[in-house]
Amino acid sequence: EVGILAKSYIDQGRLIPDDIMTRLMLSELKGLDRYNWLLDGFPRTVAQAEALDKECQIDTVIDLNVPFETIKCRLTARWIHPASGRVYNLEFSPPKVQGIDDITGEPLVQRDDDKPETVTKRLQAYDAQTKPVLEYYREKGLLKSFSGTETNKIWPHIYAFLQTKLPDVSQKDADTPR
């Protein structure tokens, strides 16, 4: 029920209200206190950050500082095959025939939240609501920013930073709950 409500906001290019998003996320995080975990896209507002801080100890916040134009280009170039969930990107992983799934030959579609007008709304909402979260965590001394436009150039720096924050766990150990 909460997921359907959340989807209605996303489809309109709006961020999910704090109370709905916080309730959803905190219920998912309960019981994970024995594990290392990484959140992507939460918290997005100071109210969400404050609610998260009351329930969990946050060790590090990573900011990927990517120009809005780069994000917009990537998202609006994304097309999917609805039945399978296969994702194509017109810039770096295009289908063999434009607009057609490589395997089934069925048409590809663009998700509502990847359409240019929706992406622009989401980026504007991010600018207004999420940048204060970065300042919130900067003031706590938890923020580490990485700037760039290409994943393969940013990722090695992020990976090296995470290696300083997370215990070195072998794959065997990673598969065993602690």
Protein backbone atom coordinates (compact mmCIF):
# COMPACT_ATOMS: atom_id res chain seq x y z
CA GLU A 1 0.00 0.00 0.00
CA VAL A 2 2.77 2.45 0.91
CA GLY A 3 4.70 1.42 -2.22
CA ILE A 4 1.74 2.24 -4.47
CA LEU A 5 1.40 5.61 -2.79
CA ALA A 6 5.13 6.25 -3.21
CA LYS A 7 4.95 5.32 -6.91
CA SER A 8 2.26 7.93 -7.51
CA TYR A 9 4.65 10.65 -6.32
CA ILE A 10 7.55 9.28 -8.38
CA ASP A 11 5.43 9.11 -11.54
CA GLN A 12 4.61 12.81 -11.12
CA GLY A 13 8.28 13.68 -10.75
CA ARG A 14 7.82 14.54 -7.09
CA LEU A 15 9.79 13.29 -4.13
CA ILE A 16 7.98 10.99 -1.71
CA PRO A 17 6.84 12.89 1.42
CA ASP A 18 9.14 12.58 4.41
CA ASP A 19 6.74 10.68 6.67
CA ILE A 20 6.01 7.99 4.05
CA MET A 21 9.63 7.58 2.99
CA THR A 22 10.98 7.55 6.53
CA ARG A 23 8.42 4.97 7.70
CA LEU A 24 9.24 2.76 4.73
CA MET A 25 13.02 2.98 5.17
CA LEU A 26 13.18 2.64 8.93
CA SER A 27 11.04 -0.49 8.84
CA GLU A 28 13.47 -1.98 6.31
CA LEU A 29 16.51 -1.07 8.42
CA LYS A 30 15.21 -2.68 11.62
CA GLY A 31 17.23 -5.78 12.35
CA LEU A 32 20.18 -4.76 10.18
CA ASP A 33 22.19 -3.30 13.04
CA ARG A 34 24.57 -6.28 12.92
CA TYR A 35 25.53 -5.54 9.31
CA ASN A 36 27.27 -2.90 7.25
CA TRP A 37 24.82 -1.36 4.81
CA LEU A 38 24.72 1.35 2.20
CA LEU A 39 21.72 3.51 1.39
CA ASP A 40 21.29 5.09 -2.04
CA GLY A 41 18.88 8.01 -2.27
CA PHE A 42 17.91 8.16 1.40
CA PRO A 43 17.80 10.43 3.29
CA ARG A 44 16.81 13.16 0.85
CA THR A 45 15.67 15.80 3.31
CA VAL A 46 16.97 17.08 6.64
CA ALA A 47 13.83 15.73 8.35
CA GLN A 48 14.59 12.26 6.96
CA ALA A 49 18.25 12.57 8.04
CA GLU A 50 17.23 13.55 11.56
CA ALA A 51 14.78 10.63 11.78
CA LEU A 52 17.46 8.24 10.52
CA ASP A 53 19.99 9.59 13.04
CA LYS A 54 17.57 8.86 15.89
CA GLU A 55 17.37 5.20 14.89
CA CYS A 56 20.81 4.41 13.40
CA GLN A 57 24.44 5.39 13.79
CA ILE A 58 25.66 6.82 10.49
CA ASP A 59 29.39 6.45 9.88
CA THR A 60 29.84 8.00 6.44
CA VAL A 61 27.86 9.90 3.83
CA ILE A 62 29.07 9.86 0.24
CA ASP A 63 28.09 12.64 -2.15
CA LEU A 64 28.40 11.98 -5.87
CA ASN A 65 28.74 15.47 -7.27
CA VAL A 66 27.65 15.00 -10.88
CA PRO A 67 26.39 17.91 -13.00
CA PHE A 68 22.62 17.92 -13.48
CA GLU A 69 23.02 17.97 -17.27
CA THR A 70 25.01 14.72 -17.13
CA ILE A 71 22.36 13.08 -14.95
CA LYS A 72 19.55 14.31 -17.19
CA CYS A 73 21.26 13.00 -20.34
CA ARG A 74 21.82 9.57 -18.80
CA LEU A 75 18.32 9.17 -17.41
CA THR A 76 16.50 10.41 -20.49
CA ALA A 77 18.55 8.04 -22.67
CA ARG A 78 17.33 5.02 -20.63
CA TRP A 79 14.70 2.75 -22.24
CA ILE A 80 13.36 -0.58 -20.99
CA HIS A 81 11.70 -3.75 -22.18
CA PRO A 82 8.75 -3.89 -19.76
CA ALA A 83 8.15 -7.66 -19.82
CA SER A 84 11.73 -8.63 -18.95
CA GLY A 85 13.06 -5.49 -17.25
CA ARG A 86 16.03 -5.32 -19.67
CA VAL A 87 17.50 -1.84 -19.67
CA TYR A 88 19.11 -0.07 -22.61
CA ASN A 89 20.86 3.28 -22.71
CA LEU A 90 20.92 5.02 -26.07
CA GLU A 91 24.36 6.48 -25.35
CA PHE A 92 26.40 3.55 -24.05
CA SER A 93 24.31 0.36 -24.28
CA PRO A 94 21.84 0.86 -27.15
CA PRO A 95 19.61 -1.83 -28.61
CA LYS A 96 20.70 -3.25 -31.99
CA VAL A 97 17.63 -1.62 -33.57
CA GLN A 98 16.50 1.68 -32.06
CA GLY A 99 13.34 1.30 -29.98
CA ILE A 100 13.28 -2.53 -30.23
CA ASP A 101 14.29 -5.15 -27.65
CA ASP A 102 17.28 -7.19 -28.88
CA ILE A 103 15.82 -10.54 -27.79
CA THR A 104 12.06 -10.37 -28.37
CA GLY A 105 11.78 -7.68 -31.03
CA GLU A 106 9.11 -5.98 -28.92
CA PRO A 107 9.00 -2.20 -28.50
CA LEU A 108 10.98 -0.51 -25.74
CA VAL A 109 9.39 2.12 -23.52
CA GLN A 110 10.66 5.01 -21.51
CA ARG A 111 9.60 4.96 -17.86
CA ASP A 112 7.58 7.98 -16.79
CA ASP A 113 10.28 8.99 -14.31
CA ASP A 114 12.92 8.96 -17.11
CA LYS A 115 11.06 11.40 -19.37
CA PRO A 116 12.85 14.76 -19.75
CA GLU A 117 10.17 16.87 -18.03
CA THR A 118 9.97 14.47 -15.07
CA VAL A 119 13.76 14.28 -14.72
CA THR A 120 13.96 18.09 -14.72
CA LYS A 121 11.33 18.28 -11.95
CA ARG A 122 13.17 15.66 -9.90
CA LEU A 123 16.49 17.47 -10.25
CA GLN A 124 14.89 20.76 -9.21
CA ALA A 125 13.35 19.05 -6.17
CA TYR A 126 16.76 17.55 -5.37
CA ASP A 127 18.40 20.95 -5.54
CA ALA A 128 15.86 22.47 -3.16
CA GLN A 129 15.45 19.61 -0.69
CA THR A 130 18.56 17.45 -0.72
CA LYS A 131 21.44 19.90 -0.80
CA PRO A 132 20.67 20.91 2.81
CA VAL A 133 21.17 17.24 3.76
CA LEU A 134 24.73 17.45 2.48
CA GLU A 135 25.33 20.49 4.68
CA TYR A 136 23.73 18.67 7.63
CA TYR A 137 26.20 15.78 7.29
CA ARG A 138 29.11 18.10 6.43
CA GLU A 139 28.58 19.86 9.77
CA LYS A 140 28.67 16.45 11.52
CA GLY A 141 31.98 15.65 9.78
CA LEU A 142 30.51 12.64 7.97
CA LEU A 143 30.41 13.88 4.36
CA LYS A 144 32.88 12.82 1.67
CA SER A 145 32.29 14.24 -1.84
CA PHE A 146 33.42 12.80 -5.16
CA SER A 147 33.06 14.87 -8.34
CA GLY A 148 32.97 13.77 -11.95
CA THR A 149 30.87 12.74 -14.90
CA GLU A 150 32.03 9.18 -15.60
CA THR A 151 31.44 6.17 -13.35
CA ASN A 152 34.68 4.44 -14.29
CA LYS A 153 36.65 7.53 -13.22
CA ILE A 154 34.78 8.21 -9.95
CA TRP A 155 34.36 4.61 -8.76
CA PRO A 156 38.05 3.81 -8.06
CA HIS A 157 38.21 6.79 -5.67
CA ILE A 158 34.98 5.77 -3.93
CA TYR A 159 36.13 2.16 -3.66
CA ALA A 160 39.47 3.19 -2.14
CA PHE A 161 37.65 5.42 0.36
CA LEU A 162 35.20 2.65 1.31
CA GLN A 163 38.11 0.27 1.90
CA THR A 164 39.25 2.64 4.67
CA LYS A 165 35.78 2.57 6.26
CA LEU A 166 34.70 -1.06 5.99
CA PRO A 167 36.40 -4.09 7.45
CA ASP A 168 38.18 -6.26 4.90
CA VAL A 169 35.73 -9.11 4.52
CA SER A 170 36.38 -12.13 2.32
CA GLN A 171 33.55 -13.30 0.05
CA LYS A 172 33.10 -16.36 2.27
CA ASP A 173 32.70 -14.13 5.33
CA ALA A 174 30.39 -11.76 3.44
CA ASP A 175 27.98 -14.64 2.80
CA THR A 176 27.79 -15.54 6.50
CA PRO A 177 25.48 -13.40 8.67
CA ARG A 178 27.13 -12.03 11.80
